[in-house]
Amino acid sequence: MVAMLGALRADLGAARVPCVLDASDPSLVRLLGLPPMPYPLIWVLTHADLHTVPRIAAFTEFISIALRKKRSVFAGGEDG
């Protein structure tokens, strides 16, 4: 993925990459007319022994909320 993004940034062609990448990188331009690709579910996992540790629980809650707020970006919408 890193090499492909480097080639895209160097204007060496076109590639299908997650919408969230072009939303966060102004050097990439979205090609219009292509249907969005479905994303698999994103799972936030912790070890069974750690999910009740306060700092782990706090991070899990934080990252879950942050990902939900960006749901439209993952679906091809604008930064949200």
N, C-alpha and C. Protein backbone atom coordinates (compact mmCIF):
# COMPACT_ATOMS: atom_id res chain seq x y z
N MET A 1 0.82 -1.19 0.00
CA MET A 1 0.00 0.00 0.00
C MET A 1 0.87 1.25 0.00
N VAL A 2 1.98 1.23 0.75
CA VAL A 2 2.85 2.40 0.83
C VAL A 2 3.44 2.73 -0.53
N ALA A 3 3.90 1.69 -1.26
CA ALA A 3 4.48 1.92 -2.59
C ALA A 3 3.42 2.44 -3.56
N MET A 4 2.22 1.90 -3.48
CA MET A 4 1.15 2.35 -4.37
C MET A 4 0.80 3.81 -4.09
N LEU A 5 0.71 4.17 -2.81
CA LEU A 5 0.42 5.57 -2.47
C LEU A 5 1.54 6.49 -2.94
N GLY A 6 2.78 6.04 -2.83
CA GLY A 6 3.90 6.84 -3.33
C GLY A 6 3.79 7.06 -4.83
N ALA A 7 3.42 6.03 -5.58
CA ALA A 7 3.26 6.15 -7.02
C ALA A 7 2.10 7.09 -7.36
N LEU A 8 1.02 7.01 -6.61
CA LEU A 8 -0.11 7.92 -6.84
C LEU A 8 0.28 9.36 -6.58
N ARG A 9 1.00 9.59 -5.49
CA ARG A 9 1.43 10.95 -5.15
C ARG A 9 2.41 11.51 -6.18
N ALA A 10 3.16 10.62 -6.83
CA ALA A 10 4.12 11.04 -7.86
C ALA A 10 3.45 11.15 -9.23
N ASP A 11 2.14 11.01 -9.27
CA ASP A 11 1.36 11.13 -10.50
C ASP A 11 1.73 10.07 -11.53
N LEU A 12 1.97 8.85 -11.07
CA LEU A 12 2.38 7.77 -11.96
C LEU A 12 1.23 6.87 -12.39
N GLY A 13 0.01 7.26 -12.12
CA GLY A 13 -1.12 6.46 -12.53
C GLY A 13 -2.31 6.62 -11.62
N ALA A 14 -3.23 5.69 -11.75
CA ALA A 14 -4.45 5.70 -10.95
C ALA A 14 -4.61 4.34 -10.27
N ALA A 15 -5.24 4.34 -9.13
CA ALA A 15 -5.48 3.09 -8.39
C ALA A 15 -6.72 3.25 -7.53
N ARG A 16 -7.30 2.15 -7.21
CA ARG A 16 -8.47 2.15 -6.33
C ARG A 16 -7.97 1.98 -4.90
N VAL A 17 -8.17 3.01 -4.10
CA VAL A 17 -7.74 3.00 -2.69
C VAL A 17 -8.92 3.40 -1.82
N PRO A 18 -8.87 3.10 -0.55
CA PRO A 18 -9.97 3.49 0.34
C PRO A 18 -10.24 4.99 0.30
N CYS A 19 -11.51 5.36 0.31
CA CYS A 19 -11.91 6.77 0.26
C CYS A 19 -11.30 7.58 1.40
N VAL A 20 -11.10 6.94 2.53
CA VAL A 20 -10.56 7.65 3.68
C VAL A 20 -9.15 8.19 3.38
N LEU A 21 -8.44 7.56 2.45
CA LEU A 21 -7.10 8.04 2.11
C LEU A 21 -7.15 9.33 1.30
N ASP A 22 -8.04 9.40 0.31
CA ASP A 22 -8.08 10.64 -0.47
C ASP A 22 -8.68 11.78 0.33
N ALA A 23 -9.51 11.46 1.32
CA ALA A 23 -10.07 12.51 2.17
C ALA A 23 -9.01 13.14 3.06
N SER A 24 -7.96 12.39 3.37
CA SER A 24 -6.94 12.91 4.27
C SER A 24 -5.67 13.35 3.55
N ASP A 25 -5.62 13.20 2.23
CA ASP A 25 -4.41 13.53 1.47
C ASP A 25 -4.78 14.44 0.30
N PRO A 26 -4.46 15.73 0.38
CA PRO A 26 -4.86 16.65 -0.68
C PRO A 26 -4.15 16.41 -2.02
N SER A 27 -3.09 15.60 -2.04
CA SER A 27 -2.40 15.33 -3.30
C SER A 27 -3.11 14.25 -4.12
N LEU A 28 -4.09 13.57 -3.53
CA LEU A 28 -4.85 12.55 -4.25
C LEU A 28 -6.16 13.13 -4.74
N VAL A 29 -6.57 12.73 -5.93
CA VAL A 29 -7.80 13.21 -6.53
C VAL A 29 -8.73 12.02 -6.76
N ARG A 30 -9.97 12.14 -6.34
CA ARG A 30 -10.94 11.07 -6.50
C ARG A 30 -11.45 11.04 -7.94
N LEU A 31 -11.50 9.85 -8.53
CA LEU A 31 -12.08 9.68 -9.85
C LEU A 31 -13.58 9.52 -9.69
N LEU A 32 -14.33 10.36 -10.34
CA LEU A 32 -15.78 10.33 -10.23
C LEU A 32 -16.36 9.22 -11.10
N GLY A 33 -17.51 8.71 -10.72
CA GLY A 33 -18.21 7.73 -11.52
C GLY A 33 -17.97 6.29 -11.11
N LEU A 34 -16.99 6.03 -10.27
CA LEU A 34 -16.75 4.67 -9.81
C LEU A 34 -17.64 4.39 -8.61
N PRO A 35 -18.27 3.23 -8.57
CA PRO A 35 -19.09 2.92 -7.40
C PRO A 35 -18.19 2.68 -6.19
N PRO A 36 -18.64 3.07 -5.01
CA PRO A 36 -17.82 2.84 -3.81
C PRO A 36 -17.67 1.36 -3.53
N MET A 37 -16.51 0.99 -3.00
CA MET A 37 -16.28 -0.39 -2.60
C MET A 37 -16.76 -0.57 -1.17
N PRO A 38 -17.40 -1.68 -0.88
CA PRO A 38 -17.85 -1.90 0.50
C PRO A 38 -16.66 -2.16 1.42
N TYR A 39 -16.76 -1.68 2.63
CA TYR A 39 -15.73 -1.92 3.65
C TYR A 39 -16.15 -3.07 4.54
N PRO A 40 -15.20 -3.88 4.95
CA PRO A 40 -15.55 -4.87 5.97
C PRO A 40 -15.76 -4.16 7.31
N LEU A 41 -16.39 -4.82 8.23
CA LEU A 41 -16.57 -4.25 9.56
C LEU A 41 -15.22 -4.03 10.23
N ILE A 42 -15.14 -2.99 11.04
CA ILE A 42 -13.94 -2.74 11.84
C ILE A 42 -14.24 -3.20 13.26
N TRP A 43 -13.43 -4.09 13.75
CA TRP A 43 -13.61 -4.62 15.10
C TRP A 43 -12.58 -3.98 16.02
N VAL A 44 -13.01 -3.61 17.20
CA VAL A 44 -12.11 -3.11 18.24
C VAL A 44 -12.03 -4.22 19.29
N LEU A 45 -10.88 -4.85 19.37
CA LEU A 45 -10.72 -6.03 20.23
C LEU A 45 -9.74 -5.76 21.36
N THR A 46 -9.97 -6.44 22.46
CA THR A 46 -9.03 -6.43 23.58
C THR A 46 -8.93 -7.85 24.12
N HIS A 47 -7.89 -8.10 24.83
CA HIS A 47 -7.74 -9.40 25.48
C HIS A 47 -8.79 -9.51 26.58
N ALA A 48 -9.31 -10.70 26.77
CA ALA A 48 -10.37 -10.91 27.77
C ALA A 48 -9.94 -10.46 29.17
N ASP A 49 -8.66 -10.59 29.49
CA ASP A 49 -8.18 -10.20 30.81
C ASP A 49 -8.02 -8.69 30.96
N LEU A 50 -8.05 -7.95 29.84
CA LEU A 50 -7.74 -6.52 29.90
C LEU A 50 -8.93 -5.60 29.66
N HIS A 51 -10.05 -6.10 29.21
CA HIS A 51 -11.14 -5.21 28.81
C HIS A 51 -11.73 -4.41 29.98
N THR A 52 -11.49 -4.84 31.21
CA THR A 52 -12.00 -4.07 32.35
C THR A 52 -10.97 -3.13 32.95
N VAL A 53 -9.73 -3.14 32.44
CA VAL A 53 -8.71 -2.20 32.91
C VAL A 53 -9.16 -0.80 32.48
N PRO A 54 -9.22 0.16 33.41
CA PRO A 54 -9.78 1.48 33.08
C PRO A 54 -9.17 2.15 31.84
N ARG A 55 -7.86 2.13 31.71
CA ARG A 55 -7.26 2.82 30.55
C ARG A 55 -7.58 2.10 29.24
N ILE A 56 -7.70 0.77 29.27
CA ILE A 56 -8.06 0.01 28.07
C ILE A 56 -9.53 0.27 27.72
N ALA A 57 -10.39 0.24 28.72
CA ALA A 57 -11.81 0.51 28.49
C ALA A 57 -12.01 1.93 27.96
N ALA A 58 -11.26 2.89 28.50
CA ALA A 58 -11.36 4.29 28.04
C ALA A 58 -10.92 4.42 26.59
N PHE A 59 -9.82 3.76 26.24
CA PHE A 59 -9.35 3.83 24.85
C PHE A 59 -10.34 3.15 23.91
N THR A 60 -10.86 2.00 24.30
CA THR A 60 -11.82 1.29 23.46
C THR A 60 -13.04 2.16 23.20
N GLU A 61 -13.53 2.82 24.22
CA GLU A 61 -14.68 3.72 24.06
C GLU A 61 -14.32 4.90 23.15
N PHE A 62 -13.14 5.49 23.38
CA PHE A 62 -12.69 6.63 22.58
C PHE A 62 -12.58 6.27 21.10
N ILE A 63 -11.89 5.17 20.79
CA ILE A 63 -11.66 4.82 19.39
C ILE A 63 -12.96 4.39 18.72
N SER A 64 -13.86 3.76 19.46
CA SER A 64 -15.16 3.37 18.90
C SER A 64 -15.96 4.61 18.50
N ILE A 65 -15.99 5.60 19.35
CA ILE A 65 -16.71 6.84 19.05
C ILE A 65 -16.06 7.56 17.87
N ALA A 66 -14.73 7.64 17.86
CA ALA A 66 -14.01 8.32 16.78
C ALA A 66 -14.27 7.65 15.43
N LEU A 67 -14.27 6.33 15.40
CA LEU A 67 -14.53 5.62 14.14
C LEU A 67 -15.97 5.82 13.68
N ARG A 68 -16.91 5.81 14.61
CA ARG A 68 -18.32 6.05 14.24
C ARG A 68 -18.50 7.44 13.64
N LYS A 69 -17.80 8.43 14.19
CA LYS A 69 -17.90 9.80 13.66
C LYS A 69 -17.36 9.89 12.24
N LYS A 70 -16.42 9.03 11.89
CA LYS A 70 -15.82 9.04 10.55
C LYS A 70 -16.49 8.07 9.59
N ARG A 71 -17.62 7.49 10.00
CA ARG A 71 -18.29 6.48 9.18
C ARG A 71 -18.53 6.96 7.76
N SER A 72 -18.98 8.20 7.59
CA SER A 72 -19.27 8.70 6.24
C SER A 72 -18.02 8.79 5.38
N VAL A 73 -16.87 9.07 5.97
CA VAL A 73 -15.62 9.13 5.21
C VAL A 73 -15.27 7.74 4.69
N PHE A 74 -15.44 6.72 5.50
CA PHE A 74 -15.16 5.36 5.07
C PHE A 74 -16.11 4.94 3.95
N ALA A 75 -17.28 5.51 3.91
CA ALA A 75 -18.28 5.18 2.88
C ALA A 75 -18.14 6.05 1.64
N GLY A 76 -17.15 6.94 1.61
CA GLY A 76 -16.92 7.76 0.42
C GLY A 76 -17.45 9.17 0.54
N GLY A 77 -17.95 9.55 1.69
CA GLY A 77 -18.47 10.91 1.88
C GLY A 77 -17.35 11.87 2.24
N GLU A 78 -17.74 13.07 2.55
CA GLU A 78 -16.78 14.09 2.96
C GLU A 78 -16.31 13.85 4.38
N ASP A 79 -15.21 14.50 4.74
CA ASP A 79 -14.66 14.36 6.09
C ASP A 79 -15.71 14.76 7.11
N GLY A 80 -15.93 13.89 8.11
CA GLY A 80 -16.98 14.19 9.07
C GLY A 80 -16.58 14.03 10.48
